[in-house]
Amino acid sequence: MIEDNETIDEFLARHAPDVEESIRKAAAQEIMPRWRRLAAHEVDLKTGPHDLVTDADRKAELYLTEALLALLPGSVVVGEEAVHANPASYEAIQGEAPVWIVDPVDGTRQFVHGDPGFCTLVALARRGVLYASWTYAPARDQLATAVRGHGAHLDGERLRAGSPEPGRDLRVATSHPDYTTDEQKRALLGLWTDGMAPRACGSAGLEYLAVARGELDATAFSWEAAWDHAAGVLLVEEAGGTHLTRAGLPFGIRGGNTLPFTAARDAATAHRVAGLLSDGADPTPGPEATGDRRRPGIS
């Protein structure tokens, strides 16, 4: 817990290993025993046929909520499944209390299909500032961490995003076309041009990790649900990358972003991708203007 006059940085210096342990235990107890063993009654639909939730999502989020609140009394948790049950709980991101932003299974579709491309995402923020993040891929036993001002690491080794090789097409993971509106498709079509190699994304958390590792040049995402992006944007930042919305501003976890936005290995790549998204975009307001913070039809 944060003691009298202790800052979040000081809390993290003492308790980051405890957060990691909680994430690993949640995966070991609630996620991995169900991977490739899900029964039909353990999988449900939320908003549509592509928007899946499983018992692993629900139970892992409950485990993490209890563990994280015990570590940091006075904090709050904004988790994907809790917000689905009570949308008003998302507003805690706007408050003064430290907030844990949790996606228990990022890539639920992959999880349901027995693919290892899923992860658990946790970030700690306050007043819109991200302080730390954890990206755990339990099927691969990979843990990426980032602490503001202290760099990004994968299994203890420093991550450096670097810059794309000159002259090579930029590899960009984009919102999957099955889960985008017509307006979002128009914006993303700006990437289908010379010098670009776009493809549909998988787990957002793992795509951010790929950018931080220098294996992917950029992302281009059309939704702003904080549980999908908070961990990843800090990971990319601390690996030396950056992120920009179509308005040329950094992505903000409190919302109100001009979508789509990009996270990229370096500033030049971010500006190039953001510019192409603007070239293809419809000038009408995006989801942030209507309060739709979710990506359409996917967990």
Protein backbone atom coordinates (compact mmCIF):
# COMPACT_ATOMS: atom_id res chain seq x y z
CA MET A 1 0.00 0.00 0.00
CA ILE A 2 1.03 3.64 -0.37
CA GLU A 3 2.14 4.81 3.04
CA ASP A 4 1.93 8.36 4.40
CA ASN A 5 3.56 10.81 1.97
CA GLU A 6 4.67 7.98 -0.34
CA THR A 7 4.53 8.66 -4.06
CA ILE A 8 3.43 6.20 -6.73
CA ASP A 9 7.07 5.93 -7.81
CA GLU A 10 8.03 4.90 -4.29
CA PHE A 11 5.14 2.45 -4.14
CA LEU A 12 6.32 0.88 -7.40
CA ALA A 13 9.90 0.64 -6.15
CA ARG A 14 8.64 -1.51 -3.29
CA HIS A 15 5.72 -3.36 -4.82
CA ALA A 16 6.25 -3.83 -8.56
CA PRO A 17 7.31 -7.47 -7.91
CA ASP A 18 4.07 -8.02 -5.97
CA VAL A 19 2.03 -6.76 -8.93
CA GLU A 20 3.93 -9.13 -11.22
CA GLU A 21 3.27 -12.02 -8.84
CA SER A 22 -0.45 -11.22 -8.77
CA ILE A 23 -0.62 -11.18 -12.57
CA ARG A 24 1.20 -14.49 -12.86
CA LYS A 25 -1.04 -16.08 -10.23
CA ALA A 26 -4.21 -14.83 -11.93
CA ALA A 27 -3.05 -16.40 -15.17
CA ALA A 28 -1.95 -19.64 -13.51
CA GLN A 29 -5.16 -20.08 -11.54
CA GLU A 30 -7.87 -18.64 -13.79
CA ILE A 31 -6.62 -18.41 -17.38
CA MET A 32 -4.26 -21.22 -18.31
CA PRO A 33 -6.32 -24.07 -16.79
CA ARG A 34 -9.12 -23.04 -19.21
CA TRP A 35 -6.95 -22.54 -22.29
CA ARG A 36 -7.85 -25.17 -24.90
CA ARG A 37 -10.23 -26.68 -22.32
CA LEU A 38 -13.17 -24.27 -22.49
CA ALA A 39 -16.60 -25.82 -22.31
CA ALA A 40 -19.46 -24.30 -24.31
CA HIS A 41 -21.09 -22.86 -21.17
CA GLU A 42 -17.84 -21.00 -20.33
CA VAL A 43 -18.02 -18.79 -23.46
CA ASP A 44 -20.62 -16.04 -23.90
CA LEU A 45 -21.35 -13.18 -26.29
CA LYS A 46 -21.41 -9.58 -25.14
CA THR A 47 -22.38 -7.07 -27.82
CA GLY A 48 -22.28 -9.32 -30.87
CA PRO A 49 -20.99 -12.54 -32.44
CA HIS A 50 -17.37 -11.36 -32.45
CA ASP A 51 -17.44 -9.91 -28.93
CA LEU A 52 -16.62 -12.89 -26.73
CA VAL A 53 -16.17 -13.25 -22.99
CA THR A 54 -15.17 -16.37 -21.10
CA ASP A 55 -15.05 -17.54 -17.52
CA ALA A 56 -11.29 -16.95 -17.72
CA ASP A 57 -11.87 -13.23 -18.44
CA ARG A 58 -14.33 -12.82 -15.60
CA LYS A 59 -12.50 -14.82 -12.95
CA ALA A 60 -9.04 -13.43 -13.77
CA GLU A 61 -10.38 -9.88 -13.54
CA LEU A 62 -11.97 -10.60 -10.16
CA TYR A 63 -8.71 -12.12 -8.92
CA LEU A 64 -6.68 -9.13 -10.09
CA THR A 65 -9.18 -6.62 -8.72
CA GLU A 66 -8.94 -8.12 -5.23
CA ALA A 67 -5.15 -8.45 -5.35
CA LEU A 68 -4.41 -4.99 -6.74
CA LEU A 69 -6.76 -3.16 -4.38
CA ALA A 70 -5.15 -4.97 -1.45
CA LEU A 71 -1.70 -3.83 -2.59
CA LEU A 72 -2.81 -0.21 -2.99
CA PRO A 73 -5.73 0.72 -0.69
CA GLY A 74 -7.54 3.81 -1.93
CA SER A 75 -6.96 2.88 -5.55
CA VAL A 76 -9.68 1.81 -7.98
CA VAL A 77 -9.84 -0.73 -10.78
CA VAL A 78 -11.20 -0.12 -14.26
CA GLY A 79 -11.53 -3.55 -15.83
CA GLU A 80 -13.04 -4.50 -19.16
CA GLU A 81 -15.58 -6.93 -17.75
CA ALA A 82 -16.61 -4.70 -14.84
CA VAL A 83 -17.18 -1.81 -17.24
CA HIS A 84 -19.28 -4.04 -19.47
CA ALA A 85 -21.48 -4.79 -16.45
CA ASN A 86 -21.51 -1.15 -15.27
CA PRO A 87 -20.41 1.35 -17.96
CA ALA A 88 -20.37 4.21 -15.45
CA SER A 89 -17.40 2.60 -13.69
CA TYR A 90 -15.19 3.69 -16.62
CA GLU A 91 -15.38 7.26 -15.32
CA ALA A 92 -12.98 6.36 -12.49
CA ILE A 93 -10.18 7.05 -15.00
CA GLN A 94 -11.14 10.73 -14.73
CA GLY A 95 -10.82 10.80 -10.93
CA GLU A 96 -8.07 11.63 -8.46
CA ALA A 97 -7.45 8.14 -7.09
CA PRO A 98 -4.74 5.87 -8.52
CA VAL A 99 -6.39 3.59 -11.05
CA TRP A 100 -5.48 0.09 -12.15
CA ILE A 101 -6.52 -0.45 -15.78
CA VAL A 102 -7.05 -4.16 -16.44
CA ASP A 103 -7.73 -6.33 -19.46
CA PRO A 104 -7.70 -9.87 -18.04
CA VAL A 105 -7.52 -11.59 -21.44
CA ASP A 106 -6.57 -9.32 -24.32
CA GLY A 107 -7.21 -11.38 -27.43
CA THR A 108 -10.20 -13.35 -26.18
CA ARG A 109 -10.95 -14.56 -29.70
CA GLN A 110 -7.47 -16.08 -29.95
CA PHE A 111 -7.84 -17.56 -26.46
CA VAL A 112 -11.15 -19.21 -27.37
CA HIS A 113 -9.64 -20.67 -30.55
CA GLY A 114 -6.68 -22.14 -28.67
CA ASP A 115 -4.15 -19.73 -30.16
CA PRO A 116 -1.31 -18.55 -27.86
CA GLY A 117 -1.64 -14.93 -29.07
CA PHE A 118 -3.34 -13.47 -25.99
CA CYS A 119 -2.11 -11.65 -22.92
CA THR A 120 -3.08 -10.04 -19.63
CA LEU A 121 -2.70 -6.25 -19.49
CA VAL A 122 -2.38 -4.14 -16.33
CA ALA A 123 -1.45 -0.47 -16.07
CA LEU A 124 -1.28 1.93 -13.13
CA ALA A 125 -2.24 5.56 -13.73
CA ARG A 126 -3.24 8.68 -11.86
CA ARG A 127 -4.79 11.89 -13.20
CA GLY A 128 -4.33 10.59 -16.75
CA VAL A 129 -0.59 9.89 -16.31
CA LEU A 130 0.62 6.33 -16.84
CA TYR A 131 3.19 5.22 -14.28
CA ALA A 132 3.69 1.52 -14.94
CA SER A 133 2.45 -1.33 -17.07
CA TRP A 134 2.62 -5.10 -17.29
CA THR A 135 2.00 -7.19 -20.42
CA TYR A 136 1.98 -10.91 -19.66
CA ALA A 137 1.60 -13.55 -22.36
CA PRO A 138 1.10 -16.68 -20.24
CA ALA A 139 1.02 -19.20 -23.08
CA ARG A 140 4.48 -17.92 -24.07
CA ASP A 141 5.61 -17.17 -20.50
CA GLN A 142 6.71 -13.68 -21.55
CA LEU A 143 6.40 -10.65 -19.29
CA ALA A 144 7.01 -7.11 -20.55
CA THR A 145 7.10 -4.25 -18.06
CA ALA A 146 7.44 -0.50 -18.26
CA VAL A 147 7.92 2.10 -15.53
CA ARG A 148 7.74 5.78 -16.45
CA GLY A 149 11.25 7.14 -16.68
CA HIS A 150 12.88 3.76 -16.09
CA GLY A 151 12.53 2.06 -19.45
CA ALA A 152 10.79 -1.01 -20.82
CA HIS A 153 11.90 -4.59 -20.32
CA LEU A 154 10.97 -8.04 -21.60
CA ASP A 155 11.82 -10.83 -19.17
CA GLY A 156 14.38 -8.53 -17.58
CA GLU A 157 16.09 -7.40 -20.79
CA ARG A 158 15.87 -3.77 -21.91
CA LEU A 159 13.61 -3.10 -24.90
CA ARG A 160 14.59 -0.57 -27.56
CA ALA A 161 12.20 0.03 -30.42
CA GLY A 162 14.78 1.60 -32.73
CA SER A 163 13.82 2.92 -36.17
CA PRO A 164 12.65 1.21 -39.36
CA GLU A 165 15.26 0.39 -41.99
CA PRO A 166 15.36 3.12 -44.66
CA GLY A 167 13.64 2.18 -47.89
CA ARG A 168 11.65 -0.72 -46.47
CA ASP A 169 7.83 -0.73 -46.44
CA LEU A 170 6.50 0.13 -42.99
CA ARG A 171 4.83 -2.78 -41.24
CA VAL A 172 1.63 -1.54 -39.58
CA ALA A 173 -0.93 -3.53 -37.58
CA THR A 174 -4.39 -1.98 -37.99
CA SER A 175 -7.82 -2.40 -36.49
CA HIS A 176 -9.28 -5.57 -37.98
CA PRO A 177 -11.71 -4.70 -40.81
CA ASP A 178 -14.32 -7.06 -39.35
CA TYR A 179 -14.52 -4.79 -36.30
CA THR A 180 -14.50 -1.31 -37.84
CA THR A 181 -17.20 1.07 -38.96
CA ASP A 182 -17.36 2.42 -42.51
CA GLU A 183 -15.92 5.72 -41.33
CA GLN A 184 -13.01 3.96 -39.63
CA LYS A 185 -12.37 1.88 -42.74
CA ARG A 186 -12.07 5.08 -44.79
CA ALA A 187 -9.45 6.47 -42.42
CA LEU A 188 -7.48 3.23 -42.34
CA LEU A 189 -7.55 2.99 -46.13
CA GLY A 190 -5.09 5.87 -46.11
CA LEU A 191 -2.46 3.28 -45.18
CA TRP A 192 -2.96 1.30 -48.39
CA THR A 193 -0.34 3.20 -50.34
CA ASP A 194 3.23 2.86 -51.55
CA GLY A 195 5.75 2.31 -48.79
CA MET A 196 3.25 0.79 -46.37
CA ALA A 197 2.55 -2.85 -45.49
CA PRO A 198 -0.61 -2.85 -43.37
CA ARG A 199 -2.19 -5.97 -41.88
CA ALA A 200 -5.02 -6.73 -39.48
CA CYS A 201 -4.03 -6.77 -35.82
CA GLY A 202 -4.29 -9.57 -33.32
CA SER A 203 -4.11 -8.93 -29.59
CA ALA A 204 -3.52 -5.18 -29.17
CA GLY A 205 -1.22 -5.78 -26.21
CA LEU A 206 1.01 -8.12 -28.20
CA GLU A 207 1.09 -5.71 -31.15
CA TYR A 208 2.37 -2.97 -28.83
CA LEU A 209 5.00 -5.39 -27.56
CA ALA A 210 6.05 -6.07 -31.16
CA VAL A 211 6.52 -2.31 -31.71
CA ALA A 212 8.56 -2.01 -28.51
CA ARG A 213 10.74 -4.91 -29.69
CA GLY A 214 11.24 -3.38 -33.14
CA GLU A 215 9.47 -6.29 -34.85
CA LEU A 216 6.55 -4.08 -35.99
CA ASP A 217 6.89 -0.47 -37.12
CA ALA A 218 3.54 0.94 -35.98
CA THR A 219 -0.04 0.31 -35.02
CA ALA A 220 -3.16 2.12 -36.28
CA PHE A 221 -6.14 1.66 -33.97
CA SER A 222 -9.63 3.10 -34.27
CA TRP A 223 -10.93 2.62 -30.71
CA GLU A 224 -9.77 4.06 -27.39
CA ALA A 225 -10.82 1.67 -24.60
CA ALA A 226 -8.09 2.27 -22.03
CA TRP A 227 -7.71 -1.38 -21.04
CA ASP A 228 -6.52 -2.21 -24.56
CA HIS A 229 -4.03 0.65 -24.89
CA ALA A 230 -2.77 1.90 -21.51
CA ALA A 231 -0.18 -0.82 -20.95
CA GLY A 232 1.00 -0.75 -24.55
CA VAL A 233 1.43 2.97 -25.11
CA LEU A 234 3.64 3.24 -22.00
CA LEU A 235 5.62 0.18 -23.10
CA VAL A 236 6.26 1.75 -26.51
CA GLU A 237 7.14 5.13 -24.96
CA GLU A 238 9.65 3.62 -22.56
CA ALA A 239 11.19 1.59 -25.40
CA GLY A 240 11.88 4.88 -27.21
CA GLY A 241 8.80 5.05 -29.42
CA THR A 242 5.89 7.46 -29.45
CA HIS A 243 2.17 7.74 -30.15
CA LEU A 244 0.02 10.28 -31.98
CA THR A 245 -3.62 10.83 -32.80
CA ARG A 246 -4.82 12.27 -36.10
CA ALA A 247 -4.82 15.66 -34.36
CA GLY A 248 -1.07 15.34 -33.82
CA LEU A 249 -1.42 14.91 -30.06
CA PRO A 250 -0.31 12.04 -27.83
CA PHE A 251 -2.96 9.41 -27.13
CA GLY A 252 -4.68 10.10 -23.80
CA ILE A 253 -6.14 7.34 -21.65
CA ARG A 254 -8.86 9.71 -20.41
CA GLY A 255 -10.44 9.74 -23.88
CA GLY A 256 -11.37 12.51 -26.28
CA ASN A 257 -8.78 11.36 -28.82
CA THR A 258 -9.10 12.08 -32.53
CA LEU A 259 -9.21 8.58 -33.97
CA PRO A 260 -7.64 6.52 -35.43
CA PHE A 261 -4.30 6.94 -33.67
CA THR A 262 -0.88 5.33 -34.00
CA ALA A 263 1.91 4.06 -31.78
CA ALA A 264 5.22 3.76 -33.58
CA ARG A 265 8.90 2.93 -33.17
CA ASP A 266 9.98 6.54 -33.68
CA ALA A 267 8.57 10.03 -34.18
CA ALA A 268 9.08 10.09 -37.95
CA THR A 269 7.09 6.88 -38.38
CA ALA A 270 4.34 8.12 -36.07
CA HIS A 271 3.96 11.36 -38.04
CA ARG A 272 3.90 9.50 -41.34
CA VAL A 273 1.22 7.05 -40.21
CA ALA A 274 -0.89 9.75 -38.52
CA GLY A 275 -0.73 11.83 -41.69
CA LEU A 276 -1.95 8.96 -43.84
CA LEU A 277 -4.79 8.29 -41.41
CA SER A 278 -5.80 11.94 -41.68
CA ASP A 279 -5.68 11.78 -45.48
CA GLY A 280 -8.19 8.94 -45.47
CA ALA A 281 -10.38 10.16 -42.63
CA ASP A 282 -13.91 11.49 -42.71
CA PRO A 283 -14.01 14.91 -41.01
CA THR A 284 -17.10 13.95 -38.97
CA PRO A 285 -16.64 13.26 -35.23
CA GLY A 286 -15.30 9.86 -34.19
CA PRO A 287 -16.35 7.54 -31.33
CA GLU A 288 -14.83 9.83 -28.71
CA ALA A 289 -17.50 12.41 -29.48
CA THR A 290 -20.33 9.97 -28.82
CA GLY A 291 -18.88 8.26 -25.78
CA ASP A 292 -18.22 4.96 -27.61
CA ARG A 293 -14.83 4.07 -26.19
CA ARG A 294 -14.94 0.41 -27.20
CA ARG A 295 -13.68 -1.09 -30.38
CA PRO A 296 -16.68 -2.32 -32.39
CA GLY A 297 -17.44 -5.96 -31.67
CA ILE A 298 -14.26 -7.41 -30.19
CA SER A 299 -12.81 -8.10 -26.74
